[in-house]
PDB file of N, CA and C in Angstrom:
ATOM      1  N   MET A   1      89.310  94.921 119.485  1.00  0.00           N
ATOM      2  CA  MET A   1      89.269  93.398 119.374  1.00  0.00           C
ATOM      3  C   MET A   1      89.327  92.969 118.166  1.00  0.00           C
ATOM      4  N   ARG A   2      90.137  91.817 118.312  1.00  0.00           N
ATOM      5  CA  ARG A   2      90.173  90.849 117.019  1.00  0.00           C
ATOM      6  C   ARG A   2      89.354  89.629 117.226  1.00  0.00           C
ATOM      7  N   VAL A   3      88.833  89.060 116.079  1.00  0.00           N
ATOM      8  CA  VAL A   3      88.389  88.153 115.755  1.00  0.00           C
ATOM      9  C   VAL A   3      89.091  87.285 115.215  1.00  0.00           C
ATOM     10  N   LEU A   4      89.380  85.807 115.910  1.00  0.00           N
ATOM     11  CA  LEU A   4      90.380  85.113 115.014  1.00  0.00           C
ATOM     12  C   LEU A   4      90.042  83.426 114.981  1.00  0.00           C
ATOM     13  N   PRO A   5      89.476  83.133 113.629  1.00  0.00           N
ATOM     14  CA  PRO A   5      88.989  81.976 113.291  1.00  0.00           C
ATOM     15  C   PRO A   5      90.112  81.037 113.665  1.00  0.00           C
ATOM     16  N   ILE A   6      89.929  79.711 114.180  1.00  0.00           N
ATOM     17  CA  ILE A   6      90.951  78.734 114.455  1.00  0.00           C
ATOM     18  C   ILE A   6      91.696  78.392 112.886  1.00  0.00           C
ATOM     19  N   SER A   7      90.751  78.223 111.897  1.00  0.00           N
ATOM     20  CA  SER A   7      91.284  77.620 110.996  1.00  0.00           C
ATOM     21  C   SER A   7      89.967  78.352 109.603  1.00  0.00           C
ATOM     22  N   GLU A   8      90.300  78.130 108.433  1.00  0.00           N
ATOM     23  CA  GLU A   8      89.521  78.705 107.445  1.00  0.00           C
ATOM     24  C   GLU A   8      88.137  77.720 107.536  1.00  0.00           C
ATOM     25  N   LYS A   9      88.173  76.723 107.835  1.00  0.00           N
ATOM     26  CA  LYS A   9      86.762  76.374 108.020  1.00  0.00           C
ATOM     27  C   LYS A   9      85.873  77.134 108.858  1.00  0.00           C
ATOM     28  N   TYR A  10      86.240  77.758 110.011  1.00  0.00           N
ATOM     29  CA  TYR A  10      85.461  78.708 110.548  1.00  0.00           C
ATOM     30  C   TYR A  10      85.429  80.238 110.052  1.00  0.00           C
ATOM     31  N   ASN A  11      85.956  80.587 109.232  1.00  0.00           N
ATOM     32  CA  ASN A  11      85.639  81.972 108.885  1.00  0.00           C
ATOM     33  C   ASN A  11      84.331  82.536 108.447  1.00  0.00           C
ATOM     34  N   GLN A  12      83.411  81.798 108.278  1.00  0.00           N
ATOM     35  CA  GLN A  12      81.962  82.262 108.339  1.00  0.00           C
ATOM     36  C   GLN A  12      81.436  82.216 109.626  1.00  0.00           C
ATOM     37  N   TYR A  13      81.759  81.593 110.592  1.00  0.00           N
ATOM     38  CA  TYR A  13      81.244  81.816 111.887  1.00  0.00           C
ATOM     39  C   TYR A  13      82.025  83.166 112.342  1.00  0.00           C
ATOM     40  N   ALA A  14      83.517  83.210 112.241  1.00  0.00           N
ATOM     41  CA  ALA A  14      84.178  84.164 112.643  1.00  0.00           C
ATOM     42  C   ALA A  14      83.501  85.515 112.250  1.00  0.00           C
ATOM     43  N   ARG A  15      83.211  85.700 110.915  1.00  0.00           N
ATOM     44  CA  ARG A  15      82.536  86.728 110.124  1.00  0.00           C
ATOM     45  C   ARG A  15      81.410  87.050 110.555  1.00  0.00           C
ATOM     46  N   LYS A  16      80.494  86.294 110.956  1.00  0.00           N
ATOM     47  CA  LYS A  16      79.216  86.468 111.732  1.00  0.00           C
ATOM     48  C   LYS A  16      79.525  87.157 113.212  1.00  0.00           C
ATOM     49  N   VAL A  17      80.329  86.618 113.694  1.00  0.00           N
ATOM     50  CA  VAL A  17      80.722  87.261 115.406  1.00  0.00           C
ATOM     51  C   VAL A  17      81.085  88.720 115.010  1.00  0.00           C
ATOM     52  N   HIS A  18      82.250  88.780 113.878  1.00  0.00           N
ATOM     53  CA  HIS A  18      82.473  89.988 113.715  1.00  0.00           C
ATOM     54  C   HIS A  18      81.378  91.089 113.661  1.00  0.00           C
ATOM     55  N   GLN A  19      80.717  90.694 112.402  1.00  0.00           N
ATOM     56  CA  GLN A  19      79.472  91.547 112.022  1.00  0.00           C
ATOM     57  C   GLN A  19      78.422  91.905 113.179  1.00  0.00           C
ATOM     58  N   LYS A  20      78.539  90.782 113.984  1.00  0.00           N
ATOM     59  CA  LYS A  20      77.529  91.139 115.540  1.00  0.00           C
ATOM     60  C   LYS A  20      78.035  92.206 116.357  1.00  0.00           C
ATOM     61  N   LEU A  21      79.470  91.957 116.459  1.00  0.00           N
ATOM     62  CA  LEU A  21      80.138  92.992 117.321  1.00  0.00           C
ATOM     63  C   LEU A  21      80.127  94.412 116.663  1.00  0.00           C
ATOM     64  N   SER A  22      80.410  94.251 115.715  1.00  0.00           N
ATOM     65  CA  SER A  22      80.132  95.678 114.660  1.00  0.00           C
ATOM     66  C   SER A  22      78.876  96.578 115.118  1.00  0.00           C
ATOM     67  N   ALA A  23      77.686  95.698 114.565  1.00  0.00           N
ATOM     68  CA  ALA A  23      76.598  96.074 114.784  1.00  0.00           C
ATOM     69  C   ALA A  23      76.160  96.655 116.226  1.00  0.00           C
ATOM     70  N   LEU A  24      76.945  95.913 117.305  1.00  0.00           N
ATOM     71  CA  LEU A  24      76.623  96.331 118.760  1.00  0.00           C
ATOM     72  C   LEU A  24      77.352  97.640 119.222  1.00  0.00           C
ATOM     73  N   LYS A  25      78.431  98.303 118.063  1.00  0.00           N
ATOM     74  CA  LYS A  25      79.491  99.408 118.269  1.00  0.00           C
ATOM     75  C   LYS A  25      80.397  98.944 118.895  1.00  0.00           C
ATOM     76  N   ILE A  26      81.144  97.747 118.950  1.00  0.00           N
ATOM     77  CA  ILE A  26      82.070  97.203 119.645  1.00  0.00           C
ATOM     78  C   ILE A  26      82.957  97.241 118.234  1.00  0.00           C
ATOM     79  N   ARG A  27      84.174  97.985 118.568  1.00  0.00           N
ATOM     80  CA  ARG A  27      85.294  98.129 117.547  1.00  0.00           C
ATOM     81  C   ARG A  27      85.800  96.644 117.427  1.00  0.00           C
ATOM     82  N   SER A  28      86.022  96.058 116.174  1.00  0.00           N
ATOM     83  CA  SER A  28      86.446  94.811 115.769  1.00  0.00           C
ATOM     84  C   SER A  28      87.058  94.644 114.658  1.00  0.00           C
ATOM     85  N   GLU A  29      88.022  93.780 114.387  1.00  0.00           N
ATOM     86  CA  GLU A  29      88.417  93.319 113.067  1.00  0.00           C
ATOM     87  C   GLU A  29      88.783  92.005 113.012  1.00  0.00           C
ATOM     88  N   LEU A  30      88.633  91.432 111.666  1.00  0.00           N
ATOM     89  CA  LEU A  30      88.568  90.003 111.618  1.00  0.00           C
ATOM     90  C   LEU A  30      89.992  89.784 111.391  1.00  0.00           C
ATOM     91  N   ASP A  31      90.679  88.864 111.529  1.00  0.00           N
ATOM     92  CA  ASP A  31      91.911  88.158 110.906  1.00  0.00           C
ATOM     93  C   ASP A  31      91.501  86.731 110.487  1.00  0.00           C
ATOM     94  N   ASP A  32      91.084  87.184 108.779  1.00  0.00           N
ATOM     95  CA  ASP A  32      90.747  85.675 108.415  1.00  0.00           C
ATOM     96  C   ASP A  32      91.847  84.808 107.328  1.00  0.00           C
ATOM     97  N   SER A  33      93.000  85.610 107.485  1.00  0.00           N
ATOM     98  CA  SER A  33      94.232  84.989 107.017  1.00  0.00           C
ATOM     99  C   SER A  33      94.321  83.559 107.394  1.00  0.00           C
ATOM    100  N   SER A  34      95.255  83.063 106.431  1.00  0.00           N
ATOM    101  CA  SER A  34      95.581  81.540 106.407  1.00  0.00           C
ATOM    102  C   SER A  34      96.662  81.327 107.605  1.00  0.00           C
ATOM    103  N   SER A  35      97.301  82.030 108.064  1.00  0.00           N
ATOM    104  CA  SER A  35      98.301  81.748 109.302  1.00  0.00           C
ATOM    105  C   SER A  35      97.433  81.170 110.484  1.00  0.00           C
ATOM    106  N   THR A  36      98.415  80.335 111.295  1.00  0.00           N
ATOM    107  CA  THR A  36      98.049  79.464 112.108  1.00  0.00           C
ATOM    108  C   THR A  36      97.733  80.306 113.369  1.00  0.00           C
ATOM    109  N   ILE A  37      96.736  79.871 114.395  1.00  0.00           N
ATOM    110  CA  ILE A  37      96.030  80.387 115.405  1.00  0.00           C
ATOM    111  C   ILE A  37      97.159  81.087 116.512  1.00  0.00           C
ATOM    112  N   SER A  38      98.222  80.062 116.535  1.00  0.00           N
ATOM    113  CA  SER A  38      99.156  80.502 117.340  1.00  0.00           C
ATOM    114  C   SER A  38      99.844  81.920 116.917  1.00  0.00           C
ATOM    115  N   TYR A  39     100.267  82.138 115.476  1.00  0.00           N
ATOM    116  CA  TYR A  39     100.759  83.144 115.098  1.00  0.00           C
ATOM    117  C   TYR A  39      99.443  84.703 115.232  1.00  0.00           C
ATOM    118  N   LYS A  40      98.324  84.221 114.857  1.00  0.00           N
ATOM    119  CA  LYS A  40      97.627  85.179 114.985  1.00  0.00           C
ATOM    120  C   LYS A  40      97.285  85.755 116.735  1.00  0.00           C
ATOM    121  N   ILE A  41      97.319  84.867 117.213  1.00  0.00           N
ATOM    122  CA  ILE A  41      97.560  85.041 118.780  1.00  0.00           C
ATOM    123  C   ILE A  41      98.703  86.009 119.280  1.00  0.00           C
ATOM    124  N   ARG A  42      99.624  85.736 118.577  1.00  0.00           N
ATOM    125  CA  ARG A  42     100.896  86.245 118.881  1.00  0.00           C
ATOM    126  C   ARG A  42     101.071  87.462 118.434  1.00  0.00           C
ATOM    127  N   ASP A  43     100.579  87.611 117.178  1.00  0.00           N
ATOM    128  CA  ASP A  43     100.376  88.936 116.419  1.00  0.00           C
ATOM    129  C   ASP A  43      99.436  90.009 117.031  1.00  0.00           C
ATOM    130  N   ALA A  44      98.243  89.733 117.458  1.00  0.00           N
ATOM    131  CA  ALA A  44      97.567  90.332 118.375  1.00  0.00           C
ATOM    132  C   ALA A  44      98.209  90.811 119.457  1.00  0.00           C
ATOM    133  N   GLU A  45      98.777  89.873 119.988  1.00  0.00           N
ATOM    134  CA  GLU A  45      99.488  90.230 121.384  1.00  0.00           C
ATOM    135  C   GLU A  45     100.621  91.587 121.070  1.00  0.00           C
ATOM    136  N   ILE A  46     101.614  91.310 120.266  1.00  0.00           N
ATOM    137  CA  ILE A  46     102.481  92.223 120.021  1.00  0.00           C
ATOM    138  C   ILE A  46     101.913  93.461 119.611  1.00  0.00           C
ATOM    139  N   GLN A  47     100.871  93.397 118.899  1.00  0.00           N
ATOM    140  CA  GLN A  47     100.044  94.543 118.581  1.00  0.00           C
ATOM    141  C   GLN A  47      99.294  95.509 119.562  1.00  0.00           C
ATOM    142  N   LYS A  48      99.106  94.607 120.815  1.00  0.00           N
ATOM    143  CA  LYS A  48      98.687  95.164 121.986  1.00  0.00           C
ATOM    144  C   LYS A  48      96.898  95.447 121.740  1.00  0.00           C
ATOM    145  N   ILE A  49      96.440  94.443 121.091  1.00  0.00           N
ATOM    146  CA  ILE A  49      94.883  94.323 120.954  1.00  0.00           C
ATOM    147  C   ILE A  49      94.506  93.934 122.174  1.00  0.00           C
ATOM    148  N   PRO A  50      93.191  94.412 122.675  1.00  0.00           N
ATOM    149  CA  PRO A  50      93.225  94.683 124.107  1.00  0.00           C
ATOM    150  C   PRO A  50      92.199  93.061 124.234  1.00  0.00           C
ATOM    151  N   TYR A  51      91.489  92.851 123.382  1.00  0.00           N
ATOM    152  CA  TYR A  51      90.761  91.353 123.372  1.00  0.00           C
ATOM    153  C   TYR A  51      90.895  90.426 122.037  1.00  0.00           C
ATOM    154  N   MET A  52      90.571  89.140 122.359  1.00  0.00           N
ATOM    155  CA  MET A  52      90.799  88.509 121.088  1.00  0.00           C
ATOM    156  C   MET A  52      89.707  87.455 121.159  1.00  0.00           C
ATOM    157  N   ALA A  53      88.790  87.333 120.202  1.00  0.00           N
ATOM    158  CA  ALA A  53      87.630  86.385 120.274  1.00  0.00           C
ATOM    159  C   ALA A  53      88.207  85.316 119.500  1.00  0.00           C
ATOM    160  N   ILE A  54      88.293  84.081 120.267  1.00  0.00           N
ATOM    161  CA  ILE A  54      88.852  82.696 118.952  1.00  0.00           C
ATOM    162  C   ILE A  54      87.759  81.954 118.843  1.00  0.00           C
ATOM    163  N   CYS A  55      87.362  82.045 117.265  1.00  0.00           N
ATOM    164  CA  CYS A  55      86.317  80.855 117.007  1.00  0.00           C
ATOM    165  C   CYS A  55      86.617  79.518 116.598  1.00  0.00           C
ATOM    166  N   GLY A  56      86.102  78.649 116.932  1.00  0.00           N
ATOM    167  CA  GLY A  56      86.608  77.265 116.403  1.00  0.00           C
ATOM    168  C   GLY A  56      85.306  76.183 116.463  1.00  0.00           C
ATOM    169  N   LYS A  57      85.391  75.125 116.418  1.00  0.00           N
ATOM    170  CA  LYS A  57      84.250  73.879 116.476  1.00  0.00           C
ATOM    171  C   LYS A  57      83.658  74.224 117.556  1.00  0.00           C
ATOM    172  N   ARG A  58      84.131  74.343 118.613  1.00  0.00           N
ATOM    173  CA  ARG A  58      83.388  74.359 119.898  1.00  0.00           C
ATOM    174  C   ARG A  58      82.435  75.562 120.221  1.00  0.00           C
ATOM    175  N   GLU A  59      82.923  76.732 119.699  1.00  0.00           N
ATOM    176  CA  GLU A  59      82.612  78.296 119.795  1.00  0.00           C
ATOM    177  C   GLU A  59      81.458  78.294 118.809  1.00  0.00           C
ATOM    178  N   ALA A  60      81.518  77.386 117.589  1.00  0.00           N
ATOM    179  CA  ALA A  60      80.560  77.669 116.346  1.00  0.00           C
ATOM    180  C   ALA A  60      79.407  76.807 116.878  1.00  0.00           C
ATOM    181  N   GLU A  61      79.454  75.481 117.876  1.00  0.00           N
ATOM    182  CA  GLU A  61      78.253  74.705 118.059  1.00  0.00           C
ATOM    183  C   GLU A  61      77.655  75.593 119.315  1.00  0.00           C
ATOM    184  N   SER A  62      78.518  75.921 120.045  1.00  0.00           N
ATOM    185  CA  SER A  62      77.315  76.575 121.155  1.00  0.00           C
ATOM    186  C   SER A  62      77.267  77.886 120.807  1.00  0.00           C
ATOM    187  N   ASN A  63      77.949  78.554 119.830  1.00  0.00           N
ATOM    188  CA  ASN A  63      77.096  80.062 119.645  1.00  0.00           C
ATOM    189  C   ASN A  63      77.882  80.888 120.507  1.00  0.00           C
ATOM    190  N   THR A  64      79.121  80.766 120.806  1.00  0.00           N
ATOM    191  CA  THR A  64      80.193  81.475 121.699  1.00  0.00           C
ATOM    192  C   THR A  64      81.349  82.107 121.025  1.00  0.00           C
ATOM    193  N   MET A  65      82.206  82.427 121.998  1.00  0.00           N
ATOM    194  CA  MET A  65      83.423  82.895 121.495  1.00  0.00           C
ATOM    195  C   MET A  65      84.110  82.445 122.697  1.00  0.00           C
ATOM    196  N   SER A  66      85.712  82.224 122.731  1.00  0.00           N
ATOM    197  CA  SER A  66      86.687  81.917 123.684  1.00  0.00           C
ATOM    198  C   SER A  66      87.282  83.376 123.859  1.00  0.00           C
ATOM    199  N   ILE A  67      87.429  83.993 124.512  1.00  0.00           N
ATOM    200  CA  ILE A  67      87.873  85.517 125.030  1.00  0.00           C
ATOM    201  C   ILE A  67      89.413  85.305 125.496  1.00  0.00           C
ATOM    202  N   ARG A  68      90.221  86.240 125.120  1.00  0.00           N
ATOM    203  CA  ARG A  68      91.365  86.241 125.644  1.00  0.00           C
ATOM    204  C   ARG A  68      91.713  87.709 125.762  1.00  0.00           C
ATOM    205  N   LYS A  69      92.132  88.150 127.063  1.00  0.00           N
ATOM    206  CA  LYS A  69      92.354  89.600 127.338  1.00  0.00           C
ATOM    207  C   LYS A  69      94.203  89.579 126.915  1.00  0.00           C
ATOM    208  N   HIS A  70      94.439  90.932 126.277  1.00  0.00           N
ATOM    209  CA  HIS A  70      95.820  91.251 126.295  1.00  0.00           C
ATOM    210  C   HIS A  70      96.506  91.015 127.416  1.00  0.00           C
ATOM    211  N   GLY A  71      97.591  90.128 127.332  1.00  0.00           N
ATOM    212  CA  GLY A  71      98.823  89.765 128.492  1.00  0.00           C
ATOM    213  C   GLY A  71      98.316  88.825 129.314  1.00  0.00           C
ATOM    214  N   GLN A  72      96.993  88.261 129.347  1.00  0.00           N
ATOM    215  CA  GLN A  72      96.557  87.131 130.131  1.00  0.00           C
ATOM    216  C   GLN A  72      96.131  85.705 129.505  1.00  0.00           C
ATOM    217  N   LYS A  73      95.734  85.195 130.118  1.00  0.00           N
ATOM    218  CA  LYS A  73      95.199  83.755 129.336  1.00  0.00           C
ATOM    219  C   LYS A  73      93.757  83.776 129.069  1.00  0.00           C
ATOM    220  N   GLU A  74      93.312  82.762 128.691  1.00  0.00           N
ATOM    221  CA  GLU A  74      92.013  82.861 128.208  1.00  0.00           C
ATOM    222  C   GLU A  74      91.237  82.801 129.156  1.00  0.00           C
ATOM    223  N   LEU A  75      90.034  83.936 128.957  1.00  0.00           N
ATOM    224  CA  LEU A  75      88.880  84.088 129.826  1.00  0.00           C
ATOM    225  C   LEU A  75      87.668  83.019 130.033  1.00  0.00           C
ATOM    226  N   GLY A  76      87.529  82.813 129.096  1.00  0.00           N
ATOM    227  CA  GLY A  76      86.247  81.375 128.993  1.00  0.00           C
ATOM    228  C   GLY A  76      85.523  81.825 127.861  1.00  0.00           C
ATOM    229  N   SER A  77      84.603  80.891 127.550  1.00  0.00           N
ATOM    230  CA  SER A  77      83.712  80.828 126.550  1.00  0.00           C
ATOM    231  C   SER A  77      82.447  82.047 126.790  1.00  0.00           C
ATOM    232  N   LEU A  78      82.332  83.129 125.982  1.00  0.00           N
ATOM    233  CA  LEU A  78      80.930  83.961 126.193  1.00  0.00           C
ATOM    234  C   LEU A  78      80.436  84.269 125.079  1.00  0.00           C
ATOM    235  N   THR A  79      79.016  84.172 125.273  1.00  0.00           N
ATOM    236  CA  THR A  79      78.101  84.573 124.087  1.00  0.00           C
ATOM    237  C   THR A  79      78.622  86.177 123.914  1.00  0.00           C
ATOM    238  N   ILE A  80      78.085  86.643 122.923  1.00  0.00           N
ATOM    239  CA  ILE A  80      78.402  88.013 122.395  1.00  0.00           C
ATOM    240  C   ILE A  80      77.781  88.752 123.447  1.00  0.00           C
ATOM    241  N   GLU A  81      76.429  88.492 123.804  1.00  0.00           N
ATOM    242  CA  GLU A  81      75.947  89.675 125.019  1.00  0.00           C
ATOM    243  C   GLU A  81      76.569  89.388 126.069  1.00  0.00           C
ATOM    244  N   GLU A  82      77.197  88.277 126.594  1.00  0.00           N
ATOM    245  CA  GLU A  82      77.682  88.361 128.040  1.00  0.00           C
ATOM    246  C   GLU A  82      78.961  89.060 127.898  1.00  0.00           C
ATOM    247  N   PHE A  83      79.874  88.878 126.795  1.00  0.00           N
ATOM    248  CA  PHE A  83      80.974  89.876 126.368  1.00  0.00           C
ATOM    249  C   PHE A  83      80.852  91.440 126.602  1.00  0.00           C
ATOM    250  N   VAL A  84      79.493  91.724 125.816  1.00  0.00           N
ATOM    251  CA  VAL A  84      79.451  93.001 125.917  1.00  0.00           C
ATOM    252  C   VAL A  84      79.114  93.389 127.230  1.00  0.00           C
ATOM    253  N   LYS A  85      78.275  92.758 127.934  1.00  0.00           N
ATOM    254  CA  LYS A  85      77.999  92.988 129.157  1.00  0.00           C
ATOM    255  C   LYS A  85      79.453  93.346 130.320  1.00  0.00           C
ATOM    256  N   ALA A  86      80.139  92.279 130.212  1.00  0.00           N
ATOM    257  CA  ALA A  86      81.454  92.368 130.912  1.00  0.00           C
ATOM    258  C   ALA A  86      82.138  93.439 130.604  1.00  0.00           C
ATOM    259  N   ILE A  87      82.266  93.769 129.088  1.00  0.00           N
ATOM    260  CA  ILE A  87      83.022  95.230 128.837  1.00  0.00           C
ATOM    261  C   ILE A  87      82.452  96.198 129.306  1.00  0.00           C
ATOM    262  N   LEU A  88      81.112  96.323 129.337  1.00  0.00           N
ATOM    263  CA  LEU A  88      80.545  97.685 129.747  1.00  0.00           C
ATOM    264  C   LEU A  88      80.460  97.664 131.445  1.00  0.00           C
ATOM    265  N   ASN A  89      80.932  96.465 132.278  1.00  0.00           N
ATOM    266  CA  ASN A  89      80.859  96.578 133.533  1.00  0.00           C
ATOM    267  C   ASN A  89      82.273  96.960 133.645  1.00  0.00           C
ATOM    268  N   GLU A  90      83.418  96.541 132.904  1.00  0.00           N
ATOM    269  CA  GLU A  90      84.882  97.040 133.202  1.00  0.00           C
ATOM    270  C   GLU A  90      84.859  98.473 132.697  1.00  0.00           C
ATOM    271  N   LEU A  91      84.175  99.001 132.030  1.00  0.00           N
ATOM    272  CA  LEU A  91      84.114 100.586 131.809  1.00  0.00           C
ATOM    273  C   LEU A  91      83.816 101.331 132.853  1.00  0.00           C
ATOM    274  N   CYS A  92      82.799 100.914 133.216  1.00  0.00           N
ATOM    275  CA  CYS A  92      82.319 101.588 134.335  1.00  0.00           C
ATOM    276  C   CYS A  92      82.890 101.582 135.837  1.00  0.00           C
ATOM    277  N   TYR A  93      83.561 100.422 135.930  1.00  0.00           N
ATOM    278  CA  TYR A  93      84.541 100.400 137.356  1.00  0.00           C
ATOM    279  C   TYR A  93      85.553 101.257 137.005  1.00  0.00           C
ATOM    280  N   GLU A  94      86.172 101.294 135.569  1.00  0.00           N
ATOM    281  CA  GLU A  94      87.701 101.772 135.343  1.00  0.00           C
ATOM    282  C   GLU A  94      87.426 103.619 135.086  1.00  0.00           C
ATOM    283  N   GLY A  95      86.183 103.995 134.757  1.00  0.00           N
ATOM    284  CA  GLY A  95      86.018 105.082 134.257  1.00  0.00           C
ATOM    285  C   GLY A  95      85.721 106.050 135.401  1.00  0.00           C
TER     286      GLY A  95
END
C-alpha cells in the first residue's frame, strides 16, 4: 500500500495514516514527494502497488482515506479500521 498526500499541506496527516497502518502490520510506504497527485497515482499504478490511500482535506477532516485499488477507480473513503477489515475479508476469500 502506498499513502499519497494530495499536497504538502497534508503530509502530516498522511504520515499519521502511514504510522497507523504500520502499527497494524499493514505494509505501507509514504510518498511525501512534491510531485502532483496525478503523478503519484500514475507512478503507483506503473509499479503495480495494490492499494493507494489518498489523503487530502476531506479525508483529514473526517479521519478517513480515499482508497484506490490497482487497475480500478476509487473505492471510496474508509477509516483505517474499515480498510483493515476489508483487506482481511478479501484475503479470507482469496486464500
